[in-house]
């Protein structure tokens, strides 16, 4: 690995691959992509659990610059998404820039050199610009349950599925009932002797309009790519209607009635149906889709435990109801470190503090992309950039348009470094917080992973993706503190309002 590079990208999932492809499209070649895995793919490389598939239509869950006419299903299965991303790597010329099997352990801004000094398992490297593409669905979250270390059976997280372990005939405890469990529970339920699903809070589950992609449509997409681009654009605009509804809680009621009817049709037992009925407005938590989840829960060998787990014993799990249930294997479907991303623990800013120390439990940034005190750092899918209606690929492309524009502006203006002004970041987050009030995410009556440990919604973007596209179309240099080339280092650890104009 070289000692220096102009741009260093962390992660080779959708975010990192998008960053690399867009840099190449802009004519930039001096960059590297680091990933600790042995191949690109990110979360779609790591999540190989049975039934894993996308819950965004395949046509939308792909880059507009790299359409795939060969999706087999409306909602693509994990192996196809993984293959698609590998194809994009080759199609866009990204592979020569990849450095795989490399783990980053530290990244610190050197204010004298005006560069990022990065420590990795393959040696140190210096970069002018750092792009974090690690993403929030990266590190599995395993709850600290009393007695878990005494369990003598097998345990694993859904994102680290143990394919060597045979579940047939076993008593399996599934802890968590979110997006992953909705997909893998129907797959394993027919084979296990007993499955106990520990559900702390039920989720609204919508029917999933999944079906094979017609051969004629795939042929049309191959012969006339413009038709797939039109479908991508049309689907994106249609999904904005759902996005509008999430910002107007009453508009979610018709969607909730669909979910209620789906539950009523699939679950006849009134007691089980009551346990599976959420007590909050749909959309407050992540909306799930499945046609097989509810039928799986009605099987004789499946028990829904509508409680959290109190403790784990040598061969059993004890629910909050006090009932001890035998278990041979525990599978955690408990999600990821979303707002406490591990990458924030080793990226040190201008004053030496990590992002984690700077945020103090509440991630904040500007346009979900830049963070004050961290010059020349661009965070893909950063704070307050989530949404419940569109695709991450849409947001990533918009962010990278902003990043490329920033690099162009730095070259054009002869700048060593740019850092979002603190007053700009503060004002943006005040607008975000105000706009989130009244949305279904904040006012829907639930607790979700959208909220950080301080009680702030640090995950959701309260406006449309079209709004975000307008804001990120061109780099707004006036919102940044800048350092021209050959100028002295920034000495103040925190820029004051008086020093927020160009140095």
Protein backbone atom coordinates (compact mmCIF):
# COMPACT_ATOMS: atom_id res chain seq x y z
CA UNK A 1 0.00 0.00 0.00
CA UNK A 2 1.42 3.43 -0.87
CA UNK A 3 2.37 5.87 1.86
CA UNK A 4 0.19 8.66 0.47
CA UNK A 5 -2.96 9.13 -1.56
CA UNK A 6 -5.12 12.11 -2.37
CA UNK A 7 -8.44 10.60 -1.26
CA UNK A 8 -8.85 7.65 1.10
CA UNK A 9 -12.21 5.85 1.28
CA UNK A 10 -13.09 3.66 4.25
CA UNK A 11 -15.35 0.73 3.37
CA UNK A 12 -16.15 -1.13 0.16
CA UNK A 13 -19.89 -1.53 0.52
CA UNK A 14 -22.46 0.46 -1.44
CA UNK A 15 -21.14 3.73 0.01
CA UNK A 16 -17.48 3.11 -0.70
CA UNK A 17 -18.10 1.71 -4.18
CA UNK A 18 -20.32 4.66 -5.05
CA UNK A 19 -17.62 7.06 -3.84
CA UNK A 20 -14.94 5.35 -5.91
CA UNK A 21 -17.10 5.15 -9.04
CA UNK A 22 -18.06 8.82 -8.85
CA UNK A 23 -14.45 9.89 -8.30
CA UNK A 24 -13.40 7.96 -11.39
CA UNK A 25 -16.29 9.44 -13.39
CA UNK A 26 -15.02 12.88 -12.38
CA UNK A 27 -11.57 12.04 -13.77
CA UNK A 28 -9.88 11.43 -10.41
CA UNK A 29 -7.53 8.49 -10.12
CA UNK A 30 -5.46 9.19 -7.00
CA UNK A 31 -7.55 7.41 -4.38
CA UNK A 32 -7.75 4.13 -2.48
CA UNK A 33 -10.58 2.13 -0.94
CA UNK A 34 -9.83 0.17 2.23
CA UNK A 35 -11.98 -2.64 3.59
CA UNK A 36 -11.31 -5.27 6.22
CA UNK A 37 -13.25 -7.90 4.27
CA UNK A 38 -11.78 -10.13 1.60
CA UNK A 39 -14.15 -8.81 -1.07
CA UNK A 40 -16.40 -5.77 -1.58
CA UNK A 41 -20.01 -5.86 -0.53
CA UNK A 42 -20.32 -4.38 2.94
CA UNK A 43 -23.54 -5.38 4.66
CA UNK A 44 -24.51 -7.49 1.63
CA UNK A 45 -21.29 -9.43 1.99
CA UNK A 46 -21.72 -9.93 5.73
CA UNK A 47 -25.45 -10.72 5.90
CA UNK A 48 -25.91 -14.19 4.47
CA UNK A 49 -28.72 -15.42 6.71
CA UNK A 50 -31.48 -17.55 5.13
CA UNK A 51 -34.08 -15.44 3.34
CA UNK A 52 -31.94 -12.29 3.24
CA UNK A 53 -33.24 -9.92 0.59
CA UNK A 54 -33.78 -6.24 -0.04
CA UNK A 55 -36.89 -4.41 1.17
CA UNK A 56 -36.47 -1.67 -1.46
CA UNK A 57 -37.43 -2.52 -5.07
CA UNK A 58 -34.36 -3.70 -6.97
CA UNK A 59 -34.80 -1.09 -9.71
CA UNK A 60 -34.41 1.64 -7.11
CA UNK A 61 -31.83 -0.17 -4.99
CA UNK A 62 -29.15 0.19 -7.65
CA UNK A 63 -27.09 3.06 -8.93
CA UNK A 64 -28.58 5.22 -11.65
CA UNK A 65 -25.19 5.16 -13.41
CA UNK A 66 -25.06 1.35 -13.30
CA UNK A 67 -28.52 -0.09 -14.02
CA UNK A 68 -28.98 -3.85 -13.84
CA UNK A 69 -31.53 -5.28 -16.29
CA UNK A 70 -31.16 -8.80 -14.90
CA UNK A 71 -32.74 -8.60 -11.44
CA UNK A 72 -34.65 -11.85 -11.02
CA UNK A 73 -37.15 -10.48 -8.50
CA UNK A 74 -38.85 -7.19 -7.74
CA UNK A 75 -37.00 -7.29 -4.40
CA UNK A 76 -33.58 -8.76 -5.04
CA UNK A 77 -32.14 -11.56 -2.87
CA UNK A 78 -28.82 -11.02 -1.10
CA UNK A 79 -26.62 -13.09 -3.47
CA UNK A 80 -27.77 -11.03 -6.46
CA UNK A 81 -27.10 -7.73 -4.68
CA UNK A 82 -23.65 -8.93 -3.69
CA UNK A 83 -22.94 -9.96 -7.30
CA UNK A 84 -24.31 -6.65 -8.58
CA UNK A 85 -21.95 -4.66 -6.39
CA UNK A 86 -18.98 -6.75 -7.53
CA UNK A 87 -20.03 -6.12 -11.14
CA UNK A 88 -20.15 -2.36 -10.49
CA UNK A 89 -16.63 -2.54 -9.06
CA UNK A 90 -15.38 -4.02 -12.33
CA UNK A 91 -17.63 -2.05 -14.66
CA UNK A 92 -16.60 1.29 -13.16
CA UNK A 93 -12.89 0.46 -12.92
CA UNK A 94 -12.82 0.49 -9.13
CA UNK A 95 -10.99 -2.79 -8.49
CA UNK A 96 -7.41 -1.45 -8.96
CA UNK A 97 -8.15 1.04 -6.18
CA UNK A 98 -9.28 -1.61 -3.67
CA UNK A 99 -7.09 -2.69 -0.77
CA UNK A 100 -8.97 -5.59 0.85
CA UNK A 101 -8.21 -7.36 4.11
CA UNK A 102 -7.02 -4.05 5.56
CA UNK A 103 -8.39 -2.90 8.91
CA UNK A 104 -8.23 0.77 9.88
CA UNK A 105 -7.44 1.30 13.55
CA UNK A 106 -6.92 5.07 13.72
CA UNK A 107 -7.34 8.21 11.63
CA UNK A 108 -6.15 11.60 12.89
CA UNK A 109 -6.13 15.04 11.29
CA UNK A 110 -2.64 16.55 11.24
CA UNK A 111 -3.26 20.29 11.32
CA UNK A 112 0.34 21.17 10.47
CA UNK A 113 0.49 18.90 7.43
CA UNK A 114 -3.21 19.50 6.64
CA UNK A 115 -3.65 15.80 5.97
CA UNK A 116 -5.24 12.72 7.48
CA UNK A 117 -2.76 10.31 9.02
CA UNK A 118 -4.32 6.85 8.99
CA UNK A 119 -3.10 3.73 10.78
CA UNK A 120 -4.03 0.38 9.26
CA UNK A 121 -3.15 -3.29 9.61
CA UNK A 122 -1.15 -2.94 6.37
CA UNK A 123 0.83 0.13 7.39
CA UNK A 124 0.32 3.88 7.72
CA UNK A 125 -1.04 6.06 4.96
CA UNK A 126 -1.49 9.81 4.58
CA UNK A 127 -4.43 11.34 2.68
CA UNK A 128 -5.56 14.87 1.88
CA UNK A 129 -9.24 13.87 2.02
CA UNK A 130 -10.96 11.13 4.02
CA UNK A 131 -14.33 9.66 3.00
CA UNK A 132 -16.03 7.42 5.54
CA UNK A 133 -18.21 4.84 3.83
CA UNK A 134 -18.41 2.42 6.76
CA UNK A 135 -22.18 2.89 7.03
CA UNK A 136 -24.50 2.38 10.00
CA UNK A 137 -25.37 -1.28 9.22
CA UNK A 138 -21.87 -2.51 9.81
CA UNK A 139 -21.24 -3.67 13.38
CA UNK A 140 -23.73 -6.13 14.94
CA UNK A 141 -25.34 -5.16 18.21
CA UNK A 142 -25.50 -7.96 20.77
CA UNK A 143 -27.29 -7.03 24.00
CA UNK A 144 -25.48 -7.45 27.28
CA UNK A 145 -27.78 -10.07 28.77
CA UNK A 146 -27.16 -11.39 32.28
CA UNK A 147 -25.78 -14.92 32.13
CA UNK A 148 -25.07 -14.94 28.40
CA UNK A 149 -21.49 -16.01 29.04
CA UNK A 150 -22.75 -19.11 30.89
CA UNK A 151 -24.78 -20.41 27.94
CA UNK A 152 -23.37 -23.75 26.77
CA UNK A 153 -25.18 -23.88 23.44
CA UNK A 154 -24.45 -22.03 20.19
CA UNK A 155 -24.95 -18.28 19.76
CA UNK A 156 -24.58 -16.00 16.75
CA UNK A 157 -25.91 -12.75 15.30
CA UNK A 158 -27.98 -12.84 12.13
CA UNK A 159 -25.33 -10.80 10.32
CA UNK A 160 -22.68 -13.37 11.24
CA UNK A 161 -24.76 -16.44 10.43
CA UNK A 162 -23.15 -19.74 11.37
CA UNK A 163 -23.78 -21.84 8.27
CA UNK A 164 -21.78 -24.74 9.70
CA UNK A 165 -24.26 -25.16 12.54
CA UNK A 166 -27.22 -27.44 11.78
CA UNK A 167 -30.44 -26.11 13.31
CA UNK A 168 -32.55 -29.12 12.37
CA UNK A 169 -34.30 -30.59 15.39
CA UNK A 170 -32.98 -27.92 17.75
CA UNK A 171 -34.71 -25.64 20.22
CA UNK A 172 -33.91 -22.16 18.97
CA UNK A 173 -34.37 -18.86 20.79
CA UNK A 174 -34.57 -15.88 18.44
CA UNK A 175 -34.01 -12.60 20.27
CA UNK A 176 -35.36 -9.65 18.31
CA UNK A 177 -38.22 -9.34 15.85
CA UNK A 178 -36.99 -6.68 13.44
CA UNK A 179 -36.10 -6.65 9.76
CA UNK A 180 -33.69 -9.61 9.84
CA UNK A 181 -35.92 -11.88 11.95
CA UNK A 182 -38.87 -11.21 9.67
CA UNK A 183 -36.83 -12.73 6.86
CA UNK A 184 -35.00 -15.65 8.50
CA UNK A 185 -37.68 -16.92 10.92
CA UNK A 186 -39.90 -18.29 8.10
CA UNK A 187 -36.84 -20.00 6.61
CA UNK A 188 -35.74 -21.89 9.72
CA UNK A 189 -39.10 -22.50 11.43
CA UNK A 190 -40.00 -25.67 9.43
CA UNK A 191 -36.71 -27.36 10.37
CA UNK A 192 -36.34 -26.65 14.08
CA UNK A 193 -38.02 -28.60 16.88
CA UNK A 194 -39.07 -25.43 18.69
CA UNK A 195 -38.60 -21.73 17.97
CA UNK A 196 -39.20 -19.14 20.67
CA UNK A 197 -39.31 -15.60 19.32
CA UNK A 198 -38.58 -13.00 22.00
CA UNK A 199 -40.33 -9.85 20.88
CA UNK A 200 -39.82 -6.76 22.99
CA UNK A 201 -41.97 -4.59 20.72
CA UNK A 202 -44.03 -5.73 17.72
CA UNK A 203 -43.49 -4.21 14.28
CA UNK A 204 -46.01 -3.29 11.65
CA UNK A 205 -45.60 -5.73 8.77
CA UNK A 206 -46.97 -4.94 5.31
CA UNK A 207 -47.58 -7.47 2.53
CA UNK A 208 -44.59 -7.68 0.20
CA UNK A 209 -45.42 -7.32 -3.50
CA UNK A 210 -42.52 -9.53 -4.52
CA UNK A 211 -42.59 -11.60 -7.68
CA UNK A 212 -40.35 -12.71 -10.51
CA UNK A 213 -39.30 -10.00 -12.92
CA UNK A 214 -40.97 -10.83 -16.26
CA UNK A 215 -38.51 -12.03 -18.90
CA UNK A 216 -40.03 -9.60 -21.40
CA UNK A 217 -39.38 -6.66 -19.08
CA UNK A 218 -35.78 -7.74 -18.47
CA UNK A 219 -35.33 -8.04 -22.24
CA UNK A 220 -36.74 -4.55 -22.75
CA UNK A 221 -34.36 -3.14 -20.14
CA UNK A 222 -31.40 -4.76 -21.91
CA UNK A 223 -32.43 -3.57 -25.39
CA UNK A 224 -33.50 -0.09 -24.35
CA UNK A 225 -31.71 1.00 -21.14
CA UNK A 226 -33.60 4.30 -21.25
CA UNK A 227 -36.72 2.41 -20.17
CA UNK A 228 -35.04 1.20 -16.99
CA UNK A 229 -33.73 4.66 -16.25
CA UNK A 230 -37.28 5.95 -16.64
CA UNK A 231 -38.55 3.20 -14.30
CA UNK A 232 -35.86 4.12 -11.74
CA UNK A 233 -36.81 7.79 -11.89
CA UNK A 234 -40.55 7.11 -11.79
CA UNK A 235 -40.25 4.75 -8.82
CA UNK A 236 -38.17 7.27 -6.99
CA UNK A 237 -40.78 9.98 -7.46
CA UNK A 238 -43.57 7.61 -6.45
CA UNK A 239 -41.78 6.73 -3.22
CA UNK A 240 -41.61 10.42 -2.37
CA UNK A 241 -45.36 10.18 -1.75
CA UNK A 242 -44.66 7.79 1.10
CA UNK A 243 -42.00 10.16 2.33
CA UNK A 244 -44.57 12.98 2.41
CA UNK A 245 -46.90 10.79 4.48
CA UNK A 246 -44.25 10.13 7.12
CA UNK A 247 -44.02 13.86 7.66
CA UNK A 248 -47.79 14.09 8.15
CA UNK A 249 -48.78 11.47 10.71
CA UNK A 250 -52.48 11.32 9.82
CA UNK A 251 -51.58 10.47 6.23
CA UNK A 252 -50.10 7.18 7.50
CA UNK A 253 -53.49 5.85 8.61
CA UNK A 254 -54.47 4.29 5.24
CA UNK A 255 -51.13 2.49 5.16
CA UNK A 256 -51.68 1.29 8.72
CA UNK A 257 -55.08 -0.12 7.76
CA UNK A 258 -53.35 -2.21 5.07
CA UNK A 259 -51.02 -3.61 7.73
CA UNK A 260 -53.94 -4.27 10.08
CA UNK A 261 -55.82 -6.20 7.40
CA UNK A 262 -52.66 -8.15 6.54
CA UNK A 263 -52.29 -9.20 10.18
CA UNK A 264 -55.98 -10.10 10.51
CA UNK A 265 -55.90 -12.26 7.38
CA UNK A 266 -52.75 -14.13 8.35
CA UNK A 267 -53.26 -14.64 12.09
CA UNK A 268 -56.60 -16.08 13.22
CA UNK A 269 -55.76 -16.57 16.91
CA UNK A 270 -56.93 -13.40 18.69
CA UNK A 271 -54.39 -13.74 21.50
CA UNK A 272 -51.46 -14.05 19.09
CA UNK A 273 -52.85 -11.29 16.91
CA UNK A 274 -53.05 -8.99 19.94
CA UNK A 275 -49.43 -9.76 20.81
CA UNK A 276 -48.36 -8.89 17.27
CA UNK A 277 -50.33 -5.62 17.07
CA UNK A 278 -48.16 -2.53 17.66
CA UNK A 279 -49.43 0.29 19.84
CA UNK A 280 -47.89 3.04 17.76
CA UNK A 281 -48.46 4.65 14.37
CA UNK A 282 -47.00 2.78 11.43
CA UNK A 283 -43.75 4.32 10.26
CA UNK A 284 -42.67 5.30 13.76
CA UNK A 285 -40.38 2.29 13.62
CA UNK A 286 -38.99 0.87 10.42
CA UNK A 287 -41.80 -0.54 8.28
CA UNK A 288 -41.31 -4.22 7.44
CA UNK A 289 -42.67 -6.32 4.59
CA UNK A 290 -43.26 -10.06 4.43
CA UNK A 291 -45.87 -12.52 3.18
CA UNK A 292 -44.41 -15.42 5.16
CA UNK A 293 -43.62 -14.03 8.60
CA UNK A 294 -47.09 -14.16 10.12
CA UNK A 295 -47.85 -17.68 8.83
CA UNK A 296 -44.54 -18.86 10.32
CA UNK A 297 -45.56 -17.51 13.72
CA UNK A 298 -48.77 -19.57 13.66
CA UNK A 299 -46.89 -22.88 13.38
CA UNK A 300 -47.29 -25.32 16.27
CA UNK A 301 -43.56 -25.36 16.93
CA UNK A 302 -43.29 -21.54 17.14
CA UNK A 303 -44.02 -19.49 20.26
CA UNK A 304 -44.10 -15.72 20.29
CA UNK A 305 -42.87 -14.46 23.66
CA UNK A 306 -44.10 -10.85 23.80
CA UNK A 307 -41.43 -9.84 26.29
CA UNK A 308 -37.78 -8.93 26.49
CA UNK A 309 -35.22 -11.40 27.82
CA UNK A 310 -34.51 -11.21 31.55
CA UNK A 311 -31.52 -13.57 31.67
CA UNK A 312 -29.76 -16.45 29.98
CA UNK A 313 -28.85 -19.69 31.75
CA UNK A 314 -26.67 -22.64 30.76
CA UNK A 315 -29.27 -24.28 28.54
CA UNK A 316 -32.19 -21.87 28.61
CA UNK A 317 -33.51 -18.36 28.20
CA UNK A 318 -35.71 -16.64 30.77
CA UNK A 319 -38.16 -14.01 29.52
CA UNK A 320 -39.37 -10.95 31.38
CA UNK A 321 -42.48 -13.00 32.11
CA UNK A 322 -40.34 -15.22 34.36
CA UNK A 323 -40.81 -18.34 32.23
CA UNK A 324 -37.69 -20.40 31.53
CA UNK A 325 -37.55 -21.96 28.06
CA UNK A 326 -34.94 -24.51 27.01
CA UNK A 327 -32.66 -23.52 24.12
CA UNK A 328 -29.90 -25.20 22.15
CA UNK A 329 -29.10 -22.16 20.02
CA UNK A 330 -29.62 -18.42 20.45
CA UNK A 331 -29.84 -16.26 17.33
CA UNK A 332 -29.65 -12.51 17.79
CA UNK A 333 -31.74 -10.46 15.38
CA UNK A 334 -30.94 -7.34 17.36
CA UNK A 335 -29.69 -4.99 14.69
CA UNK A 336 -26.55 -2.88 14.54
CA UNK A 337 -24.63 -0.06 16.18
CA UNK A 338 -26.51 2.59 14.22
CA UNK A 339 -25.88 5.84 16.10
CA UNK A 340 -22.80 4.64 17.99
CA UNK A 341 -20.86 3.58 14.92
CA UNK A 342 -17.44 2.10 15.78
CA UNK A 343 -15.81 4.25 13.08
CA UNK A 344 -16.60 7.33 15.20
CA UNK A 345 -14.36 5.96 17.96
CA UNK A 346 -11.12 6.17 15.99
CA UNK A 347 -11.48 9.22 13.72
CA UNK A 348 -9.78 12.15 15.51
CA UNK A 349 -10.56 15.72 14.49
CA UNK A 350 -8.58 18.94 14.52
CA UNK A 351 -8.62 19.24 18.32
CA UNK A 352 -7.63 15.62 18.87
CA UNK A 353 -11.06 14.45 19.96
CA UNK A 354 -12.77 11.56 18.23
CA UNK A 355 -16.15 11.99 16.56
CA UNK A 356 -17.62 9.95 19.39
CA UNK A 357 -16.16 12.35 21.97
CA UNK A 358 -17.26 15.36 19.94
CA UNK A 359 -20.83 14.14 19.56
CA UNK A 360 -21.28 13.07 23.20
CA UNK A 361 -23.92 10.54 22.25
CA UNK A 362 -25.78 12.73 19.73
CA UNK A 363 -24.31 12.53 16.20
CA UNK A 364 -24.60 15.82 14.35
CA UNK A 365 -23.37 17.07 11.03
CA UNK A 366 -24.25 19.20 8.05
CA UNK A 367 -26.34 17.71 5.25
CA UNK A 368 -25.46 14.30 6.65
CA UNK A 369 -22.04 14.70 5.06
CA UNK A 370 -19.61 17.00 6.91
CA UNK A 371 -18.85 17.55 10.59
CA UNK A 372 -17.33 20.63 12.22
CA UNK A 373 -13.87 20.07 13.74
CA UNK A 374 -13.16 17.43 11.08
CA UNK A 375 -11.58 19.13 8.04
CA UNK A 376 -11.60 17.36 4.69
CA UNK A 377 -13.79 14.58 6.08
CA UNK A 378 -16.93 13.48 4.25
CA UNK A 379 -19.24 10.99 5.96
CA UNK A 380 -21.51 8.99 3.67
CA UNK A 381 -24.94 8.20 5.16
CA UNK A 382 -23.98 10.36 8.11
CA UNK A 383 -26.11 11.88 10.90
CA UNK A 384 -29.75 12.65 10.09
CA UNK A 385 -29.67 11.27 6.59
CA UNK A 386 -31.92 8.24 7.02
CA UNK A 387 -35.37 8.02 5.54
CA UNK A 388 -38.16 5.50 5.57
CA UNK A 389 -39.22 5.63 1.96
CA UNK A 390 -36.39 5.77 -0.56
CA UNK A 391 -33.11 4.03 -1.29
CA UNK A 392 -29.67 4.55 0.22
CA UNK A 393 -28.26 4.54 -3.31
CA UNK A 394 -30.20 7.72 -4.13
CA UNK A 395 -28.73 9.51 -1.14
CA UNK A 396 -25.23 8.21 -1.80
CA UNK A 397 -25.21 9.51 -5.36
CA UNK A 398 -26.37 12.92 -4.15
CA UNK A 399 -23.75 13.01 -1.43
CA UNK A 400 -21.01 12.11 -3.88
CA UNK A 401 -22.13 14.89 -6.24
CA UNK A 402 -21.55 17.22 -3.27
CA UNK A 403 -18.15 15.67 -2.45
CA UNK A 404 -16.92 15.91 -6.05
CA UNK A 405 -18.11 19.52 -6.17
CA UNK A 406 -16.19 20.18 -2.95
CA UNK A 407 -12.99 18.70 -4.37
CA UNK A 408 -13.40 20.76 -7.52
CA UNK A 409 -13.92 23.91 -5.45
CA UNK A 410 -10.81 23.17 -3.39
CA UNK A 411 -8.74 22.75 -6.54
CA UNK A 412 -10.22 25.82 -8.16
CA UNK A 413 -9.72 28.07 -5.13
CA UNK A 414 -6.34 26.65 -4.16
CA UNK A 415 -7.48 25.36 -0.77
CA UNK A 416 -5.70 22.92 1.50
CA UNK A 417 -8.70 22.28 3.73
CA UNK A 418 -12.40 22.93 4.22
CA UNK A 419 -14.39 22.47 7.40
CA UNK A 420 -18.07 23.20 7.89
CA UNK A 421 -18.59 26.26 10.08
CA UNK A 422 -19.93 25.56 13.55
CA UNK A 423 -22.66 28.19 13.23
CA UNK A 424 -23.82 26.67 9.94
CA UNK A 425 -23.89 23.19 11.45
CA UNK A 426 -25.77 24.48 14.52
CA UNK A 427 -28.38 26.25 12.40
CA UNK A 428 -28.85 23.20 10.18
CA UNK A 429 -29.43 20.90 13.15
CA UNK A 430 -31.86 23.36 14.72
CA UNK A 431 -33.84 23.25 11.47
CA UNK A 432 -33.67 19.43 11.46
CA UNK A 433 -34.95 19.18 15.04
CA UNK A 434 -37.79 21.59 14.35
CA UNK A 435 -38.81 19.78 11.17
CA UNK A 436 -38.76 16.39 12.89
CA UNK A 437 -41.35 17.52 15.42
CA UNK A 438 -44.71 16.22 14.32
CA UNK A 439 -43.30 13.58 11.98
CA UNK A 440 -44.37 10.00 12.53
CA UNK A 441 -40.82 9.17 13.66
CA UNK A 442 -40.98 11.62 16.58
CA UNK A 443 -44.69 11.74 17.32
CA UNK A 444 -45.80 8.21 16.43
CA UNK A 445 -45.65 6.86 19.97
CA UNK A 446 -42.71 4.47 19.85
CA UNK A 447 -39.07 4.19 20.80
CA UNK A 448 -36.78 3.30 17.91
CA UNK A 449 -33.13 3.12 16.92
CA UNK A 450 -33.62 6.51 15.30
CA UNK A 451 -33.11 8.06 18.76
CA UNK A 452 -29.67 8.36 20.32
CA UNK A 453 -28.87 7.83 23.98
CA UNK A 454 -29.68 11.48 24.71
CA UNK A 455 -33.17 11.16 23.27
CA UNK A 456 -32.54 13.06 20.03
CA UNK A 457 -33.56 11.72 16.64
CA UNK A 458 -30.11 11.70 15.06
CA UNK A 459 -31.00 9.32 12.25
CA UNK A 460 -33.81 10.68 10.12
CA UNK A 461 -33.73 13.38 7.45
CA UNK A 462 -37.00 15.30 7.86
CA UNK A 463 -37.36 16.40 4.24
CA UNK A 464 -37.56 14.71 0.86
CA UNK A 465 -34.67 13.27 -1.13
CA UNK A 466 -35.45 15.95 -3.72
CA UNK A 467 -34.85 18.56 -1.02
CA UNK A 468 -31.53 16.90 -0.23
CA UNK A 469 -30.60 16.84 -3.90
CA UNK A 470 -31.16 20.59 -4.16
CA UNK A 471 -28.99 21.20 -1.09
CA UNK A 472 -26.15 18.97 -2.30
CA UNK A 473 -26.14 19.74 -6.01
CA UNK A 474 -23.31 22.21 -5.61
CA UNK A 475 -20.78 22.63 -2.81
CA UNK A 476 -21.67 25.75 -0.79
CA UNK A 477 -18.18 27.04 -0.06
CA UNK A 478 -19.54 29.98 1.94
CA UNK A 479 -20.74 27.53 4.60
CA UNK A 480 -17.19 26.37 5.23
CA UNK A 481 -14.11 27.53 7.03
CA UNK A 482 -11.24 27.29 4.56
CA UNK A 483 -7.47 27.23 4.59
CA UNK A 484 -5.68 28.32 1.41
CA UNK A 485 -2.47 26.64 0.38
CA UNK A 486 0.73 28.01 1.96
CA UNK A 487 -1.23 29.60 4.81
CA UNK A 488 -0.42 28.94 8.50
CA UNK A 489 -2.23 26.10 10.33
CA UNK A 490 -5.44 26.65 12.22
CA UNK A 491 -4.26 27.14 15.77
CA UNK A 492 -7.55 27.62 17.60
CA UNK A 493 -9.00 24.22 18.66
CA UNK A 494 -12.50 25.50 18.02
CA UNK A 495 -13.28 28.12 15.39
CA UNK A 496 -15.14 31.10 16.78
CA UNK A 497 -17.96 32.80 14.90
CA UNK A 498 -15.57 35.62 14.09
CA UNK A 499 -13.18 33.23 12.34
CA UNK A 500 -15.72 31.30 10.31
CA UNK A 501 -15.05 33.16 7.12
CA UNK A 502 -12.24 32.05 4.84
CA UNK A 503 -8.93 32.26 6.67
